[in-house]
Amino acid sequence: MALMVACIGAGLVSRAAAADDNPYGLIDAKVISVGTMSDDKPSTFTLADGTFTGFDVELFLNVAGRLGFKPEQVIFTGQEFSALMPSVANGRFDVAVASIGTTEARKKTVDFSDGYRVGYLTVLTADKTITDIPALKGKRVGVVQGTLQEIYATKNFTGADLVRFPDNNSAVVALNNGTIDAHFLDDEPAKDYAKRYSDLRPAISFPSFDAPAGFVVRKGNDAFRAALSTGLHAAMEDGTWKTLYQKWFPGAPMPDQYLPKN
C-alpha cells in the first residue's frame, strides 16, 4: 500500500513538473508552431526569401514576446486556409494566425483568443457591369474555401455561381484568364491585387464587424488562449497594435476597442 501511494505521489509530481515546463500546452514547450497563409497581403505573406511578414505576423510575434518567446522560437508554416483550423484541432500547429474570423460554427472545433481586427470585404473584378451585389447574379464568383467570404457569399450572393479556390493567388489567376468573373476577398489584399493588375478594381466593399479576427488554438487549451488574449490587450493598451495597424493598413479606420484607453 505504501508503495502504491508512493507511485501515485511520484506520478502527480511528474505531471505537475510537466505542466510547469510547458504551461501553455504547446507541441514543443520551447517553440510556438504557427499555421498561417503566404498570400494574404498585408495580413500575412512571404517575402522573396520565404520569410513571413505582415500585420498578423508582426502582431503575433509581439504577443509571443510578451509570453517570453523570442522571434526564432516562433515557427511559421504556410497552408491553404481551409486546412488551418483542422491542423490546429488535430495538433499539427499550436495556433493559426491569418485574420481568422470568430464564428460560433468554428468555435465548435477550435477556440479563439479575443479579437484583434475587424475587416472589410471586397469583390474584385474587371467586369464594369458589376457595381453591386445584385449584379453578381449569373456571374462566376471566386471564394477561398473555408473563409468568411465563402460563408457570406453562400448566404447573400443569390444567383451567383460560386467557384472555390485554395488561396487568393489561384483565384486571381482564374480571374485574369477569364475563368471567373469576380473574386470575393478581404479589402486589403484586393487593393494590392488591383495595384498589380491594372484591369482589376475593387467594385463592391463593405465592413464585416460581426466576426472579429482572433488567434486560433486547440479546443480546451485555455492557458494558451488566455495568455494570448492578455498579450493582445497589452499590445493594444501600449499603442503597439495602433502602430502596426497604421503601418500595414494606412488610412484604414481603427475600431475604438483596439486603441489605448488612456
Protein backbone atom coordinates (compact mmCIF):
# COMPACT_ATOMS: atom_id res chain seq x y z
CA MET A 1 0.00 0.00 0.00
CA ALA A 2 2.82 2.38 0.89
CA LEU A 3 4.47 1.56 -2.43
CA MET A 4 1.25 2.35 -4.34
CA VAL A 5 0.87 5.69 -2.56
CA ALA A 6 4.49 6.50 -3.34
CA CYS A 7 3.96 5.69 -7.03
CA ILE A 8 0.81 7.80 -7.18
CA GLY A 9 2.63 10.65 -5.48
CA ALA A 10 5.52 10.41 -7.94
CA GLY A 11 3.08 10.48 -10.85
CA LEU A 12 1.42 13.63 -9.55
CA VAL A 13 4.78 15.33 -9.11
CA SER A 14 5.80 14.28 -12.62
CA ARG A 15 2.62 15.70 -14.17
CA ALA A 16 2.97 18.91 -12.17
CA ALA A 17 6.56 19.30 -13.32
CA ALA A 18 5.49 18.73 -16.92
CA ALA A 19 2.82 21.42 -16.60
CA ASP A 20 5.38 23.84 -15.15
CA ASP A 21 7.77 23.11 -18.03
CA ASN A 22 5.03 23.59 -20.64
CA PRO A 23 2.46 25.99 -19.14
CA TYR A 24 0.81 26.72 -22.50
CA GLY A 25 0.35 23.11 -23.58
CA LEU A 26 2.47 23.52 -26.71
CA ILE A 27 3.59 20.72 -29.02
CA ASP A 28 7.16 21.68 -28.09
CA ALA A 29 7.38 23.75 -24.91
CA LYS A 30 10.24 25.84 -26.31
CA VAL A 31 8.65 26.68 -29.67
CA ILE A 32 5.32 28.07 -30.88
CA SER A 33 4.27 26.32 -34.09
CA VAL A 34 2.13 28.66 -36.20
CA GLY A 35 -0.02 27.80 -39.19
CA THR A 36 -0.64 30.75 -41.49
CA MET A 37 -1.06 31.85 -45.14
CA SER A 38 1.58 33.02 -47.58
CA ASP A 39 -0.55 35.12 -49.94
CA ASP A 40 -2.87 37.27 -47.82
CA LYS A 41 -1.03 40.59 -48.08
CA PRO A 42 -0.81 42.72 -45.95
CA SER A 43 -2.08 40.42 -43.18
CA THR A 44 0.30 37.51 -43.68
CA PHE A 45 2.52 36.79 -46.67
CA THR A 46 6.03 35.74 -47.62
CA LEU A 47 8.92 37.83 -48.91
CA ALA A 48 11.21 36.68 -51.73
CA ASP A 49 13.43 34.85 -49.25
CA GLY A 50 10.48 32.92 -47.78
CA THR A 51 10.26 34.99 -44.59
CA PHE A 52 6.73 35.52 -43.28
CA THR A 53 5.65 39.08 -42.57
CA GLY A 54 2.53 41.26 -42.43
CA PHE A 55 0.26 42.78 -39.80
CA ASP A 56 -0.86 39.49 -38.25
CA VAL A 57 2.67 38.09 -38.24
CA GLU A 58 4.23 41.14 -36.57
CA LEU A 59 1.40 41.38 -34.06
CA PHE A 60 1.69 37.71 -33.13
CA LEU A 61 5.48 37.98 -32.74
CA ASN A 62 4.94 40.91 -30.38
CA VAL A 63 2.37 38.98 -28.33
CA ALA A 64 4.60 35.89 -28.28
CA GLY A 65 7.43 38.06 -26.98
CA ARG A 66 5.24 39.09 -24.07
CA LEU A 67 4.88 35.38 -23.29
CA GLY A 68 8.67 35.01 -23.22
CA PHE A 69 9.28 33.66 -26.74
CA LYS A 70 11.98 35.11 -28.99
CA PRO A 71 11.24 35.53 -32.73
CA GLU A 72 13.38 32.49 -33.57
CA GLN A 73 11.19 30.42 -31.25
CA VAL A 74 8.08 31.17 -33.34
CA ILE A 75 7.94 28.96 -36.45
CA PHE A 76 5.51 29.95 -39.23
CA THR A 77 4.31 27.42 -41.82
CA GLY A 78 2.12 28.33 -44.80
CA GLN A 79 -1.01 26.32 -45.59
CA GLU A 80 -4.24 26.63 -47.51
CA PHE A 81 -6.78 28.50 -45.42
CA SER A 82 -9.21 25.57 -45.29
CA ALA A 83 -6.56 23.40 -43.62
CA LEU A 84 -5.55 25.84 -40.87
CA MET A 85 -8.22 25.21 -38.25
CA PRO A 86 -8.29 21.42 -38.72
CA SER A 87 -4.48 21.43 -38.37
CA VAL A 88 -4.75 23.23 -35.02
CA ALA A 89 -7.56 20.94 -33.87
CA ASN A 90 -5.51 17.86 -34.83
CA GLY A 91 -2.36 19.05 -33.07
CA ARG A 92 -0.17 19.88 -36.07
CA PHE A 93 0.09 23.55 -35.02
CA ASP A 94 -0.22 25.29 -31.68
CA VAL A 95 -2.01 28.27 -33.21
CA ALA A 96 -3.35 29.56 -36.53
CA VAL A 97 -2.69 33.21 -37.38
CA ALA A 98 -4.35 34.52 -40.54
CA SER A 99 -7.06 37.08 -39.69
CA ILE A 100 -9.43 34.20 -38.98
CA GLY A 101 -12.90 35.44 -38.12
CA THR A 102 -14.51 34.17 -34.92
CA THR A 103 -17.81 32.39 -35.55
CA GLU A 104 -19.98 30.10 -33.47
CA ALA A 105 -19.64 27.34 -36.04
CA ARG A 106 -15.84 27.47 -35.89
CA LYS A 107 -15.87 27.54 -32.08
CA LYS A 108 -17.35 24.06 -32.13
CA THR A 109 -13.96 22.62 -33.14
CA VAL A 110 -11.36 25.23 -32.04
CA ASP A 111 -11.02 28.08 -29.56
CA PHE A 112 -10.25 31.74 -30.28
CA SER A 113 -8.33 34.44 -28.47
CA ASP A 114 -10.04 37.79 -28.01
CA GLY A 115 -10.48 39.70 -31.24
CA TYR A 116 -7.80 41.91 -32.75
CA ARG A 117 -9.16 43.03 -36.11
CA VAL A 118 -12.37 43.70 -37.99
CA GLY A 119 -12.12 44.00 -41.72
CA TYR A 120 -13.82 44.95 -44.94
CA LEU A 121 -14.94 42.51 -47.62
CA THR A 122 -14.46 43.29 -51.31
CA VAL A 123 -15.49 41.99 -54.71
CA LEU A 124 -12.56 42.29 -57.13
CA THR A 125 -13.33 42.29 -60.86
CA ALA A 126 -12.59 43.68 -64.30
CA ASP A 127 -16.28 43.48 -65.25
CA LYS A 128 -17.66 47.03 -65.38
CA THR A 129 -21.24 45.77 -65.10
CA ILE A 130 -20.58 44.61 -61.53
CA THR A 131 -21.37 47.57 -59.29
CA ASP A 132 -23.45 45.99 -56.52
CA ILE A 133 -24.36 42.59 -55.11
CA PRO A 134 -27.46 42.05 -57.30
CA ALA A 135 -25.21 42.43 -60.36
CA LEU A 136 -23.41 39.22 -59.32
CA LYS A 137 -26.44 37.15 -60.32
CA GLY A 138 -25.38 34.73 -63.05
CA LYS A 139 -21.70 35.55 -62.56
CA ARG A 140 -18.94 33.12 -61.59
CA VAL A 141 -17.53 34.43 -58.30
CA GLY A 142 -14.38 33.07 -56.70
CA VAL A 143 -14.07 32.49 -52.95
CA VAL A 144 -11.32 30.88 -50.88
CA GLN A 145 -12.67 27.67 -49.37
CA GLY A 146 -13.42 27.85 -45.66
CA THR A 147 -13.32 31.66 -45.37
CA LEU A 148 -15.91 34.10 -44.08
CA GLN A 149 -16.30 35.23 -47.68
CA GLU A 150 -17.45 31.76 -48.67
CA ILE A 151 -19.96 31.74 -45.81
CA TYR A 152 -21.22 35.25 -46.62
CA ALA A 153 -21.42 34.65 -50.37
CA THR A 154 -23.31 31.39 -49.91
CA LYS A 155 -25.98 33.25 -47.92
CA ASN A 156 -26.12 36.56 -49.78
CA PHE A 157 -24.88 36.28 -53.37
CA THR A 158 -28.19 34.91 -54.63
CA GLY A 159 -27.92 33.50 -58.13
CA ALA A 160 -24.14 33.73 -58.33
CA ASP A 161 -22.13 30.64 -59.26
CA LEU A 162 -19.53 30.28 -56.51
CA VAL A 163 -16.18 28.79 -57.52
CA ARG A 164 -13.98 27.66 -54.63
CA PHE A 165 -10.19 28.03 -54.58
CA PRO A 166 -7.46 27.02 -52.10
CA ASP A 167 -5.99 30.54 -51.95
CA ASN A 168 -6.25 34.08 -53.33
CA ASN A 169 -3.43 33.72 -55.85
CA SER A 170 -5.07 30.86 -57.71
CA ALA A 171 -8.39 32.71 -57.73
CA VAL A 172 -6.81 35.86 -59.17
CA VAL A 173 -5.10 33.78 -61.88
CA ALA A 174 -8.56 32.46 -62.80
CA LEU A 175 -9.93 36.00 -62.71
CA ASN A 176 -7.23 37.28 -65.02
CA ASN A 177 -7.69 34.48 -67.55
CA GLY A 178 -11.49 34.84 -67.58
CA THR A 179 -12.37 31.57 -65.86
CA ILE A 180 -14.31 33.54 -63.23
CA ASP A 181 -15.94 36.99 -63.40
CA ALA A 182 -15.05 38.22 -59.90
CA HIS A 183 -13.27 37.21 -56.71
CA PHE A 184 -14.56 37.90 -53.18
CA LEU A 185 -11.85 38.52 -50.58
CA ASP A 186 -10.59 40.87 -47.84
CA ASP A 187 -10.33 44.53 -48.79
CA GLU A 188 -6.58 44.99 -48.27
CA PRO A 189 -5.38 42.10 -50.46
CA ALA A 190 -7.98 43.20 -53.04
CA LYS A 191 -6.34 46.64 -53.16
CA ASP A 192 -2.93 45.02 -53.56
CA TYR A 193 -4.08 42.85 -56.47
CA ALA A 194 -5.67 45.91 -58.11
CA LYS A 195 -2.30 47.69 -57.95
CA ARG A 196 -0.56 44.71 -59.54
CA TYR A 197 -3.14 44.14 -62.29
CA SER A 198 -4.42 47.31 -63.91
CA ASP A 199 -7.59 45.70 -65.32
CA LEU A 200 -8.85 44.72 -61.87
CA ARG A 201 -10.72 47.01 -59.48
CA PRO A 202 -12.45 46.69 -56.08
CA ALA A 203 -16.06 47.01 -57.24
CA ILE A 204 -18.01 46.38 -54.00
CA SER A 205 -16.71 46.85 -50.45
CA PHE A 206 -18.46 46.70 -47.07
CA PRO A 207 -17.48 46.21 -43.41
CA SER A 208 -17.69 42.93 -41.52
CA PHE A 209 -17.89 43.64 -37.80
CA ASP A 210 -19.71 40.51 -36.65
CA ALA A 211 -16.76 38.08 -36.74
CA PRO A 212 -13.58 39.75 -35.44
CA ALA A 213 -10.30 38.01 -36.22
CA GLY A 214 -8.68 36.05 -33.41
CA PHE A 215 -5.77 33.67 -32.89
CA VAL A 216 -6.98 30.06 -33.18
CA VAL A 217 -5.87 27.50 -30.58
CA ARG A 218 -6.70 23.89 -29.79
CA LYS A 219 -10.05 23.49 -28.08
CA GLY A 220 -9.62 23.35 -24.33
CA ASN A 221 -6.14 24.91 -24.30
CA ASP A 222 -7.39 27.67 -22.01
CA ALA A 223 -3.98 28.65 -20.61
CA PHE A 224 -2.58 29.46 -24.05
CA ARG A 225 -5.78 31.16 -25.21
CA ALA A 226 -5.91 33.36 -22.10
CA ALA A 227 -2.20 34.23 -22.34
CA LEU A 228 -2.60 35.29 -25.98
CA SER A 229 -5.62 37.43 -25.11
CA THR A 230 -3.72 39.09 -22.25
CA GLY A 231 -0.81 39.80 -24.59
CA LEU A 232 -3.15 41.22 -27.21
CA HIS A 233 -4.76 43.62 -24.76
CA ALA A 234 -1.33 44.74 -23.56
CA ALA A 235 -0.30 45.40 -27.17
CA MET A 236 -3.45 47.44 -27.68
CA GLU A 237 -3.08 49.41 -24.46
CA ASP A 238 0.56 50.44 -25.01
CA GLY A 239 -0.08 51.51 -28.63
CA THR A 240 1.71 48.62 -30.36
CA TRP A 241 -1.46 47.47 -32.12
CA LYS A 242 -2.12 51.01 -33.38
CA THR A 243 1.44 51.44 -34.66
CA LEU A 244 1.35 48.14 -36.55
CA TYR A 245 -2.12 48.81 -37.94
CA GLN A 246 -1.10 52.22 -39.25
CA LYS A 247 1.99 50.64 -40.81
CA TRP A 248 0.14 47.88 -42.66
CA PHE A 249 -3.28 49.50 -43.22
CA PRO A 250 -2.53 53.21 -43.72
CA GLY A 251 -5.67 55.31 -43.73
CA ALA A 252 -7.96 52.42 -42.73
CA PRO A 253 -10.49 53.04 -39.92
CA MET A 254 -9.42 51.80 -36.47
CA PRO A 255 -12.06 50.45 -34.04
CA ASP A 256 -12.00 52.25 -30.68
CA GLN A 257 -11.95 48.95 -28.77
CA TYR A 258 -8.44 48.19 -30.08
CA LEU A 259 -6.94 51.59 -29.17
CA PRO A 260 -5.32 52.69 -25.86
CA LYS A 261 -7.83 53.69 -23.21
CA ASN A 262 -5.51 56.33 -21.71
